[in-house]
Amino acid sequence: MRFVFGLVLILGVGLAGFAVFMAQGRISQYQSALAQQQAEIRKKVPLEDVYVATRVLEYGERVTKEDVKLVPFPVSSVPEGAFRTEAELFPGDGDKPRFVVRQIEDKEVLMALKVTEPGEDAGVSSRLAKGMRAFAIRVDVATGVSGFLRPGDHVDIYWSGGGAGDGGGDTITKLIEAGVKLIAIDQTSDTSRNNPLIARTVTVELSPQQVAALAQAQSTGRLSLSLVGTQDDSIAQAADVNQRTLLGIVDEKVVEAKNPEVCTIRTRRGAEVVEIPIPCSN
């Protein structure tokens, strides 16, 4: 009985070893075939190494070497601004780090537009285009589109104030800027924010001339924002509305009546000259 048990045990161990040997052989074949397939793909599709994120990088985080890695990517599909070398992503000795200005997903290609320049912080100044300025507008729940604004959106700006009609008492609303880009809500410029926020101020990107116009408008009236759709590339037309145009009231024109022409004849009666009106012949 013991002999049979030992024989079965030896046979089982032998079969297990044979199964492991066969599995190793099959895995080796798979690895060899995969390597061959990748080599063939490299021959047919040109690849180059680019840096991708190894985890989700949130707004304001510092980009470190542990957060990225090089992976092969089809040359024709490499996005513009992708980093290909360590010298590009981490120039110098790393004493001037880069920070995230837009959330980067796990395994997403790192691009220049989503990180700051070396040594630059992730503040609003890093998001301004050349020649543009940041300008803050006071808003509330009504003028700020109920808190649904977020950095990166575009808005039309309307001004409401006293008009020239009726001695300046007539209020007028006018579109003064269209398609203005928001770069910050209160003190945050995180474009990945999705939850509504009732802001007290919004910061917009404007040219110096537009800044002067908005500063004057804000000091003389009330500014309201209108959110532009993400896919809307149209430009709002000039709008100028007061209470009369809103209610459809038309001002009546007063026409001055001309004095009728009077024709007379003069008749002398003794020492007195009398003018007698008669119908004009013309």
C-alpha atoms as a PDB file:
ATOM      1  CA  MET A   1       0.000   0.000   0.000  1.00  0.00           C
ATOM      2  CA  ARG A   2       2.818   2.358   0.893  1.00  0.00           C
ATOM      3  CA  PHE A   3       4.512   1.475  -2.366  1.00  0.00           C
ATOM      4  CA  VAL A   4       1.386   2.421  -4.336  1.00  0.00           C
ATOM      5  CA  PHE A   5       1.026   5.694  -2.404  1.00  0.00           C
ATOM      6  CA  GLY A   6       4.670   6.559  -3.052  1.00  0.00           C
ATOM      7  CA  LEU A   7       4.299   5.697  -6.722  1.00  0.00           C
ATOM      8  CA  VAL A   8       1.216   7.920  -7.039  1.00  0.00           C
ATOM      9  CA  LEU A   9       3.035  10.752  -5.252  1.00  0.00           C
ATOM     10  CA  ILE A  10       6.040  10.480  -7.545  1.00  0.00           C
ATOM     11  CA  LEU A  11       3.754  10.357 -10.570  1.00  0.00           C
ATOM     12  CA  GLY A  12       1.870  13.468  -9.376  1.00  0.00           C
ATOM     13  CA  VAL A  13       5.075  15.405  -8.797  1.00  0.00           C
ATOM     14  CA  GLY A  14       6.292  14.359 -12.223  1.00  0.00           C
ATOM     15  CA  LEU A  15       3.063  15.481 -13.888  1.00  0.00           C
ATOM     16  CA  ALA A  16       3.190  18.796 -12.018  1.00  0.00           C
ATOM     17  CA  GLY A  17       6.765  19.354 -13.115  1.00  0.00           C
ATOM     18  CA  PHE A  18       5.850  18.484 -16.693  1.00  0.00           C
ATOM     19  CA  ALA A  19       2.923  20.945 -16.564  1.00  0.00           C
ATOM     20  CA  VAL A  20       5.211  23.698 -15.255  1.00  0.00           C
ATOM     21  CA  PHE A  21       7.736  22.913 -17.996  1.00  0.00           C
ATOM     22  CA  MET A  22       5.025  23.085 -20.673  1.00  0.00           C
ATOM     23  CA  ALA A  23       3.642  26.351 -19.235  1.00  0.00           C
ATOM     24  CA  GLN A  24       7.084  27.918 -19.235  1.00  0.00           C
ATOM     25  CA  GLY A  25       7.586  26.836 -22.809  1.00  0.00           C
ATOM     26  CA  ARG A  26       4.210  28.273 -23.857  1.00  0.00           C
ATOM     27  CA  ILE A  27       4.872  31.558 -22.028  1.00  0.00           C
ATOM     28  CA  SER A  28       8.266  31.773 -23.671  1.00  0.00           C
ATOM     29  CA  GLN A  29       6.615  31.260 -27.047  1.00  0.00           C
ATOM     30  CA  TYR A  30       4.076  33.986 -26.309  1.00  0.00           C
ATOM     31  CA  GLN A  31       6.793  36.404 -25.223  1.00  0.00           C
ATOM     32  CA  SER A  32       8.834  35.625 -28.317  1.00  0.00           C
ATOM     33  CA  ALA A  33       5.788  36.101 -30.573  1.00  0.00           C
ATOM     34  CA  LEU A  34       4.903  39.375 -28.800  1.00  0.00           C
ATOM     35  CA  ALA A  35       8.440  40.690 -29.189  1.00  0.00           C
ATOM     36  CA  GLN A  36       8.392  39.736 -32.848  1.00  0.00           C
ATOM     37  CA  GLN A  37       5.013  41.415 -33.326  1.00  0.00           C
ATOM     38  CA  GLN A  38       6.225  44.612 -31.642  1.00  0.00           C
ATOM     39  CA  ALA A  39       9.306  44.567 -33.865  1.00  0.00           C
ATOM     40  CA  GLU A  40       7.101  44.243 -36.928  1.00  0.00           C
ATOM     41  CA  ILE A  41       4.885  47.106 -35.697  1.00  0.00           C
ATOM     42  CA  ARG A  42       7.935  49.289 -35.174  1.00  0.00           C
ATOM     43  CA  LYS A  43       8.961  48.597 -38.746  1.00  0.00           C
ATOM     44  CA  LYS A  44       5.509  49.472 -40.125  1.00  0.00           C
ATOM     45  CA  VAL A  45       4.571  52.307 -37.699  1.00  0.00           C
ATOM     46  CA  PRO A  46       7.413  54.685 -36.738  1.00  0.00           C
ATOM     47  CA  LEU A  47       7.506  55.192 -32.975  1.00  0.00           C
ATOM     48  CA  GLU A  48       9.253  57.630 -30.697  1.00  0.00           C
ATOM     49  CA  ASP A  49       9.458  57.932 -26.929  1.00  0.00           C
ATOM     50  CA  VAL A  50       7.388  60.614 -25.176  1.00  0.00           C
ATOM     51  CA  TYR A  51       6.725  61.307 -21.522  1.00  0.00           C
ATOM     52  CA  VAL A  52       3.372  60.277 -20.007  1.00  0.00           C
ATOM     53  CA  ALA A  53       2.023  60.645 -16.471  1.00  0.00           C
ATOM     54  CA  THR A  54       2.181  57.659 -14.149  1.00  0.00           C
ATOM     55  CA  ARG A  55      -0.690  58.983 -12.016  1.00  0.00           C
ATOM     56  CA  VAL A  56      -3.309  61.732 -11.988  1.00  0.00           C
ATOM     57  CA  LEU A  57      -1.601  65.109 -11.563  1.00  0.00           C
ATOM     58  CA  GLU A  58      -3.818  67.786 -10.045  1.00  0.00           C
ATOM     59  CA  TYR A  59      -3.690  71.525 -10.642  1.00  0.00           C
ATOM     60  CA  GLY A  60      -0.785  73.200  -8.828  1.00  0.00           C
ATOM     61  CA  GLU A  61       1.238  70.001  -8.236  1.00  0.00           C
ATOM     62  CA  ARG A  62       4.954  69.950  -8.938  1.00  0.00           C
ATOM     63  CA  VAL A  63       6.007  67.576 -11.730  1.00  0.00           C
ATOM     64  CA  THR A  64       8.748  65.179 -10.572  1.00  0.00           C
ATOM     65  CA  LYS A  65      10.676  62.403 -12.318  1.00  0.00           C
ATOM     66  CA  GLU A  66       8.690  59.824 -10.337  1.00  0.00           C
ATOM     67  CA  ASP A  67       5.437  61.141 -11.831  1.00  0.00           C
ATOM     68  CA  VAL A  68       6.392  60.482 -15.474  1.00  0.00           C
ATOM     69  CA  LYS A  69       7.899  57.816 -17.705  1.00  0.00           C
ATOM     70  CA  LEU A  70       8.896  57.373 -21.351  1.00  0.00           C
ATOM     71  CA  VAL A  71       6.692  55.219 -23.567  1.00  0.00           C
ATOM     72  CA  PRO A  72       6.791  54.540 -27.346  1.00  0.00           C
ATOM     73  CA  PHE A  73       4.178  56.514 -29.261  1.00  0.00           C
ATOM     74  CA  PRO A  74       3.269  56.615 -32.989  1.00  0.00           C
ATOM     75  CA  VAL A  75       5.154  59.522 -34.536  1.00  0.00           C
ATOM     76  CA  SER A  76       2.117  60.650 -36.530  1.00  0.00           C
ATOM     77  CA  SER A  77      -0.024  60.842 -33.376  1.00  0.00           C
ATOM     78  CA  VAL A  78       2.351  62.621 -31.006  1.00  0.00           C
ATOM     79  CA  PRO A  79       0.465  65.736 -29.786  1.00  0.00           C
ATOM     80  CA  GLU A  80       1.984  69.156 -30.237  1.00  0.00           C
ATOM     81  CA  GLY A  81       4.053  70.272 -27.274  1.00  0.00           C
ATOM     82  CA  ALA A  82       4.815  66.732 -26.022  1.00  0.00           C
ATOM     83  CA  PHE A  83       8.073  66.240 -24.131  1.00  0.00           C
ATOM     84  CA  ARG A  84      10.467  63.736 -25.716  1.00  0.00           C
ATOM     85  CA  THR A  85      13.614  64.080 -23.613  1.00  0.00           C
ATOM     86  CA  GLU A  86      14.460  64.592 -19.958  1.00  0.00           C
ATOM     87  CA  ALA A  87      16.365  67.759 -20.852  1.00  0.00           C
ATOM     88  CA  GLU A  88      13.165  69.273 -22.261  1.00  0.00           C
ATOM     89  CA  LEU A  89      10.964  68.374 -19.283  1.00  0.00           C
ATOM     90  CA  PHE A  90      13.537  68.883 -16.518  1.00  0.00           C
ATOM     91  CA  PRO A  91      16.078  71.431 -17.805  1.00  0.00           C
ATOM     92  CA  GLY A  92      19.194  72.200 -15.797  1.00  0.00           C
ATOM     93  CA  ASP A  93      19.650  70.555 -12.431  1.00  0.00           C
ATOM     94  CA  GLY A  94      15.957  70.534 -11.579  1.00  0.00           C
ATOM     95  CA  ASP A  95      16.223  73.739  -9.539  1.00  0.00           C
ATOM     96  CA  LYS A  96      13.496  75.290 -11.705  1.00  0.00           C
ATOM     97  CA  PRO A  97      10.544  72.878 -11.449  1.00  0.00           C
ATOM     98  CA  ARG A  98       7.396  72.804 -13.544  1.00  0.00           C
ATOM     99  CA  PHE A  99       3.893  72.909 -12.069  1.00  0.00           C
ATOM    100  CA  VAL A 100       0.585  71.589 -13.402  1.00  0.00           C
ATOM    101  CA  VAL A 101      -1.815  74.264 -14.697  1.00  0.00           C
ATOM    102  CA  ARG A 102      -4.416  71.816 -16.097  1.00  0.00           C
ATOM    103  CA  GLN A 103      -5.246  68.407 -14.642  1.00  0.00           C
ATOM    104  CA  ILE A 104      -3.303  65.567 -16.298  1.00  0.00           C
ATOM    105  CA  GLU A 105      -4.846  62.091 -16.311  1.00  0.00           C
ATOM    106  CA  ASP A 106      -2.989  58.839 -15.664  1.00  0.00           C
ATOM    107  CA  LYS A 107      -1.018  57.714 -18.778  1.00  0.00           C
ATOM    108  CA  GLU A 108      -1.797  60.998 -20.552  1.00  0.00           C
ATOM    109  CA  VAL A 109       0.957  62.520 -22.674  1.00  0.00           C
ATOM    110  CA  LEU A 110       2.575  65.514 -20.974  1.00  0.00           C
ATOM    111  CA  MET A 111       2.216  68.667 -23.069  1.00  0.00           C
ATOM    112  CA  ALA A 112       3.662  72.131 -22.643  1.00  0.00           C
ATOM    113  CA  LEU A 113       0.211  73.756 -22.414  1.00  0.00           C
ATOM    114  CA  LYS A 114      -0.601  71.756 -19.267  1.00  0.00           C
ATOM    115  CA  VAL A 115       2.512  72.640 -17.291  1.00  0.00           C
ATOM    116  CA  THR A 116       4.301  75.880 -16.506  1.00  0.00           C
ATOM    117  CA  GLU A 117       7.626  77.050 -17.849  1.00  0.00           C
ATOM    118  CA  PRO A 118      10.625  75.998 -15.715  1.00  0.00           C
ATOM    119  CA  GLY A 119      10.642  77.942 -12.464  1.00  0.00           C
ATOM    120  CA  GLU A 120       7.255  79.551 -13.100  1.00  0.00           C
ATOM    121  CA  ASP A 121       4.401  79.114 -10.633  1.00  0.00           C
ATOM    122  CA  ALA A 122       0.897  77.990 -11.536  1.00  0.00           C
ATOM    123  CA  GLY A 123      -0.686  81.372 -10.858  1.00  0.00           C
ATOM    124  CA  VAL A 124      -2.840  83.499 -13.136  1.00  0.00           C
ATOM    125  CA  SER A 125       0.159  85.301 -14.658  1.00  0.00           C
ATOM    126  CA  SER A 126       1.338  82.047 -16.248  1.00  0.00           C
ATOM    127  CA  ARG A 127      -1.951  81.768 -18.162  1.00  0.00           C
ATOM    128  CA  LEU A 128      -2.000  85.203 -19.758  1.00  0.00           C
ATOM    129  CA  ALA A 129      -1.270  85.402 -23.477  1.00  0.00           C
ATOM    130  CA  LYS A 130       1.374  87.826 -24.688  1.00  0.00           C
ATOM    131  CA  GLY A 131       0.169  91.420 -24.599  1.00  0.00           C
ATOM    132  CA  MET A 132      -2.913  90.592 -22.500  1.00  0.00           C
ATOM    133  CA  ARG A 133      -3.832  91.705 -18.987  1.00  0.00           C
ATOM    134  CA  ALA A 134      -5.909  90.273 -16.125  1.00  0.00           C
ATOM    135  CA  PHE A 135      -8.911  92.289 -14.934  1.00  0.00           C
ATOM    136  CA  ALA A 136     -11.268  91.447 -12.046  1.00  0.00           C
ATOM    137  CA  ILE A 137     -15.034  91.960 -12.328  1.00  0.00           C
ATOM    138  CA  ARG A 138     -17.356  92.051  -9.328  1.00  0.00           C
ATOM    139  CA  VAL A 139     -20.221  89.555  -9.654  1.00  0.00           C
ATOM    140  CA  ASP A 140     -22.959  87.964  -7.576  1.00  0.00           C
ATOM    141  CA  VAL A 141     -25.331  85.015  -7.990  1.00  0.00           C
ATOM    142  CA  ALA A 142     -27.294  86.855 -10.684  1.00  0.00           C
ATOM    143  CA  THR A 143     -24.566  88.593 -12.672  1.00  0.00           C
ATOM    144  CA  GLY A 144     -22.220  85.589 -12.347  1.00  0.00           C
ATOM    145  CA  VAL A 145     -24.520  83.049 -14.107  1.00  0.00           C
ATOM    146  CA  SER A 146     -25.586  81.364 -10.841  1.00  0.00           C
ATOM    147  CA  GLY A 147     -22.078  80.120 -10.084  1.00  0.00           C
ATOM    148  CA  PHE A 148     -21.723  77.909 -13.181  1.00  0.00           C
ATOM    149  CA  LEU A 149     -18.700  79.780 -14.519  1.00  0.00           C
ATOM    150  CA  ARG A 150     -15.286  78.147 -14.415  1.00  0.00           C
ATOM    151  CA  PRO A 151     -11.800  79.094 -15.657  1.00  0.00           C
ATOM    152  CA  GLY A 152     -11.462  78.581 -19.388  1.00  0.00           C
ATOM    153  CA  ASP A 153     -15.068  79.564 -20.200  1.00  0.00           C
ATOM    154  CA  HIS A 154     -15.932  82.499 -22.452  1.00  0.00           C
ATOM    155  CA  VAL A 155     -18.523  85.154 -21.590  1.00  0.00           C
ATOM    156  CA  ASP A 156     -20.202  88.203 -23.081  1.00  0.00           C
ATOM    157  CA  ILE A 157     -20.101  91.295 -20.842  1.00  0.00           C
ATOM    158  CA  TYR A 158     -23.079  93.677 -20.614  1.00  0.00           C
ATOM    159  CA  TRP A 159     -23.160  97.100 -18.989  1.00  0.00           C
ATOM    160  CA  SER A 160     -26.256  98.625 -17.395  1.00  0.00           C
ATOM    161  CA  GLY A 161     -26.370 102.255 -16.369  1.00  0.00           C
ATOM    162  CA  GLY A 162     -28.110 105.615 -16.716  1.00  0.00           C
ATOM    163  CA  GLY A 163     -28.860 106.674 -20.271  1.00  0.00           C
ATOM    164  CA  ALA A 164     -29.287 110.075 -21.872  1.00  0.00           C
ATOM    165  CA  GLY A 165     -33.059 109.957 -22.210  1.00  0.00           C
ATOM    166  CA  ASP A 166     -35.375 111.915 -19.899  1.00  0.00           C
ATOM    167  CA  GLY A 167     -32.568 113.869 -18.292  1.00  0.00           C
ATOM    168  CA  GLY A 168     -30.400 110.801 -17.727  1.00  0.00           C
ATOM    169  CA  GLY A 169     -33.017 108.839 -15.793  1.00  0.00           C
ATOM    170  CA  ASP A 170     -33.565 106.180 -18.455  1.00  0.00           C
ATOM    171  CA  THR A 171     -31.531 102.973 -17.756  1.00  0.00           C
ATOM    172  CA  ILE A 172     -29.812 101.366 -20.723  1.00  0.00           C
ATOM    173  CA  THR A 173     -28.143  97.940 -21.148  1.00  0.00           C
ATOM    174  CA  LYS A 174     -25.420  97.518 -23.749  1.00  0.00           C
ATOM    175  CA  LEU A 175     -23.060  94.741 -24.894  1.00  0.00           C
ATOM    176  CA  ILE A 176     -19.539  96.091 -24.431  1.00  0.00           C
ATOM    177  CA  GLU A 177     -17.316  92.989 -24.833  1.00  0.00           C
ATOM    178  CA  ALA A 178     -18.015  89.625 -26.514  1.00  0.00           C
ATOM    179  CA  GLY A 179     -16.298  86.253 -26.116  1.00  0.00           C
ATOM    180  CA  VAL A 180     -14.018  87.249 -23.241  1.00  0.00           C
ATOM    181  CA  LYS A 181     -11.990  84.416 -21.682  1.00  0.00           C
ATOM    182  CA  LEU A 182     -12.213  83.698 -17.950  1.00  0.00           C
ATOM    183  CA  ILE A 183      -8.875  82.815 -16.373  1.00  0.00           C
ATOM    184  CA  ALA A 184      -9.844  82.661 -12.689  1.00  0.00           C
ATOM    185  CA  ILE A 185     -12.869  82.443 -10.395  1.00  0.00           C
ATOM    186  CA  ASP A 186     -12.224  84.207  -7.086  1.00  0.00           C
ATOM    187  CA  GLN A 187      -8.722  82.994  -6.173  1.00  0.00           C
ATOM    188  CA  THR A 188      -8.589  79.792  -8.222  1.00  0.00           C
ATOM    189  CA  SER A 189      -7.642  79.220 -11.871  1.00  0.00           C
ATOM    190  CA  ASP A 190      -8.148  75.435 -11.815  1.00  0.00           C
ATOM    191  CA  THR A 191      -9.890  74.553 -15.105  1.00  0.00           C
ATOM    192  CA  SER A 192     -10.854  71.074 -13.834  1.00  0.00           C
ATOM    193  CA  ARG A 193     -13.283  72.492 -11.259  1.00  0.00           C
ATOM    194  CA  ASN A 194     -16.819  71.227 -12.056  1.00  0.00           C
ATOM    195  CA  ASN A 195     -18.851  72.073  -8.954  1.00  0.00           C
ATOM    196  CA  PRO A 196     -20.856  75.335  -8.977  1.00  0.00           C
ATOM    197  CA  LEU A 197     -19.226  78.189  -7.060  1.00  0.00           C
ATOM    198  CA  ILE A 198     -20.961  81.441  -6.136  1.00  0.00           C
ATOM    199  CA  ALA A 199     -18.084  83.791  -6.850  1.00  0.00           C
ATOM    200  CA  ARG A 200     -17.579  87.369  -5.728  1.00  0.00           C
ATOM    201  CA  THR A 201     -15.115  88.190  -8.502  1.00  0.00           C
ATOM    202  CA  VAL A 202     -14.101  86.714 -11.833  1.00  0.00           C
ATOM    203  CA  THR A 203     -10.844  87.482 -13.602  1.00  0.00           C
ATOM    204  CA  VAL A 204     -10.862  87.907 -17.379  1.00  0.00           C
ATOM    205  CA  GLU A 205      -8.159  88.215 -20.030  1.00  0.00           C
ATOM    206  CA  LEU A 206      -8.247  91.533 -21.910  1.00  0.00           C
ATOM    207  CA  SER A 207      -6.111  93.901 -23.906  1.00  0.00           C
ATOM    208  CA  PRO A 208      -5.026  97.137 -22.142  1.00  0.00           C
ATOM    209  CA  GLN A 209      -7.610  99.125 -24.131  1.00  0.00           C
ATOM    210  CA  GLN A 210     -10.387  96.718 -23.105  1.00  0.00           C
ATOM    211  CA  VAL A 211      -9.242  96.961 -19.474  1.00  0.00           C
ATOM    212  CA  ALA A 212      -9.629 100.748 -19.590  1.00  0.00           C
ATOM    213  CA  ALA A 213     -13.121 100.433 -21.091  1.00  0.00           C
ATOM    214  CA  LEU A 214     -14.279  97.881 -18.509  1.00  0.00           C
ATOM    215  CA  ALA A 215     -12.800  99.867 -15.618  1.00  0.00           C
ATOM    216  CA  GLN A 216     -14.807 102.892 -16.734  1.00  0.00           C
ATOM    217  CA  ALA A 217     -17.945 100.796 -17.239  1.00  0.00           C
ATOM    218  CA  GLN A 218     -17.642  99.144 -13.818  1.00  0.00           C
ATOM    219  CA  SER A 219     -17.268 102.494 -12.076  1.00  0.00           C
ATOM    220  CA  THR A 220     -20.303 104.036 -13.787  1.00  0.00           C
ATOM    221  CA  GLY A 221     -22.773 101.134 -13.857  1.00  0.00           C
ATOM    222  CA  ARG A 222     -23.299  97.418 -13.332  1.00  0.00           C
ATOM    223  CA  LEU A 223     -21.613  94.615 -15.292  1.00  0.00           C
ATOM    224  CA  SER A 224     -23.404  91.329 -16.034  1.00  0.00           C
ATOM    225  CA  LEU A 225     -21.990  88.173 -17.624  1.00  0.00           C
ATOM    226  CA  SER A 226     -23.590  85.849 -20.173  1.00  0.00           C
ATOM    227  CA  LEU A 227     -22.013  82.401 -20.634  1.00  0.00           C
ATOM    228  CA  VAL A 228     -21.031  81.431 -24.198  1.00  0.00           C
ATOM    229  CA  GLY A 229     -21.472  77.780 -25.247  1.00  0.00           C
ATOM    230  CA  THR A 230     -18.375  75.604 -25.548  1.00  0.00           C
ATOM    231  CA  GLN A 231     -18.993  74.819 -29.229  1.00  0.00           C
ATOM    232  CA  ASP A 232     -20.306  78.281 -30.090  1.00  0.00           C
ATOM    233  CA  ASP A 233     -17.863  80.120 -32.338  1.00  0.00           C
ATOM    234  CA  SER A 234     -20.251  82.940 -33.259  1.00  0.00           C
ATOM    235  CA  ILE A 235     -19.706  86.528 -32.141  1.00  0.00           C
ATOM    236  CA  ALA A 236     -22.531  88.327 -30.345  1.00  0.00           C
ATOM    237  CA  GLN A 237     -23.951  91.275 -32.232  1.00  0.00           C
ATOM    238  CA  ALA A 238     -24.025  94.746 -30.707  1.00  0.00           C
ATOM    239  CA  ALA A 239     -26.996  95.161 -28.377  1.00  0.00           C
ATOM    240  CA  ASP A 240     -28.447  98.414 -27.050  1.00  0.00           C
ATOM    241  CA  VAL A 241     -31.672  98.102 -25.029  1.00  0.00           C
ATOM    242  CA  ASN A 242     -33.499 100.577 -22.779  1.00  0.00           C
ATOM    243  CA  GLN A 243     -36.893 100.486 -21.100  1.00  0.00           C
ATOM    244  CA  ARG A 244     -38.709 101.974 -24.100  1.00  0.00           C
ATOM    245  CA  THR A 245     -37.321  99.434 -26.597  1.00  0.00           C
ATOM    246  CA  LEU A 246     -37.943  96.605 -24.106  1.00  0.00           C
ATOM    247  CA  LEU A 247     -41.627  97.550 -23.759  1.00  0.00           C
ATOM    248  CA  GLY A 248     -42.028  98.502 -27.401  1.00  0.00           C
ATOM    249  CA  ILE A 249     -42.792 102.155 -26.656  1.00  0.00           C
ATOM    250  CA  VAL A 250     -42.300 104.392 -29.685  1.00  0.00           C
ATOM    251  CA  ASP A 251     -41.591 108.078 -29.137  1.00  0.00           C
ATOM    252  CA  GLU A 252     -44.107 110.229 -30.982  1.00  0.00           C
ATOM    253  CA  LYS A 253     -42.639 112.956 -33.107  1.00  0.00           C
ATOM    254  CA  VAL A 254     -44.106 116.400 -32.521  1.00  0.00           C
ATOM    255  CA  VAL A 255     -44.580 118.289 -35.778  1.00  0.00           C
ATOM    256  CA  GLU A 256     -44.797 122.030 -35.434  1.00  0.00           C
ATOM    257  CA  ALA A 257     -47.744 123.503 -37.365  1.00  0.00           C
ATOM    258  CA  LYS A 258     -46.812 126.221 -39.793  1.00  0.00           C
ATOM    259  CA  ASN A 259     -48.666 129.499 -39.538  1.00  0.00           C
ATOM    260  CA  PRO A 260     -51.016 129.830 -42.527  1.00  0.00           C
ATOM    261  CA  GLU A 261     -50.093 132.521 -44.999  1.00  0.00           C
ATOM    262  CA  VAL A 262     -52.380 135.533 -44.828  1.00  0.00           C
ATOM    263  CA  CYS A 263     -52.959 137.829 -47.828  1.00  0.00           C
ATOM    264  CA  THR A 264     -54.408 141.303 -47.381  1.00  0.00           C
ATOM    265  CA  ILE A 265     -55.330 144.366 -49.363  1.00  0.00           C
ATOM    266  CA  ARG A 266     -55.012 147.904 -48.112  1.00  0.00           C
ATOM    267  CA  THR A 267     -57.874 150.354 -48.507  1.00  0.00           C
ATOM    268  CA  ARG A 268     -57.712 154.031 -47.587  1.00  0.00           C
ATOM    269  CA  ARG A 269     -60.781 155.451 -45.972  1.00  0.00           C
ATOM    270  CA  GLY A 270     -60.188 159.112 -45.644  1.00  0.00           C
ATOM    271  CA  ALA A 271     -57.139 159.557 -43.455  1.00  0.00           C
ATOM    272  CA  GLU A 272     -57.286 155.887 -42.270  1.00  0.00           C
ATOM    273  CA  VAL A 273     -55.657 152.885 -44.019  1.00  0.00           C
ATOM    274  CA  VAL A 274     -57.540 149.597 -43.490  1.00  0.00           C
ATOM    275  CA  GLU A 275     -56.068 146.070 -44.217  1.00  0.00           C
ATOM    276  CA  ILE A 276     -58.713 143.617 -45.371  1.00  0.00           C
ATOM    277  CA  PRO A 277     -57.720 139.830 -45.427  1.00  0.00           C
ATOM    278  CA  ILE A 278     -58.501 138.021 -48.649  1.00  0.00           C
ATOM    279  CA  PRO A 279     -57.789 134.427 -49.937  1.00  0.00           C
ATOM    280  CA  CYS A 280     -54.275 134.057 -51.311  1.00  0.00           C
ATOM    281  CA  SER A 281     -54.359 133.464 -55.020  1.00  0.00           C
ATOM    282  CA  ASN A 282     -51.182 131.247 -55.101  1.00  0.00           C
END
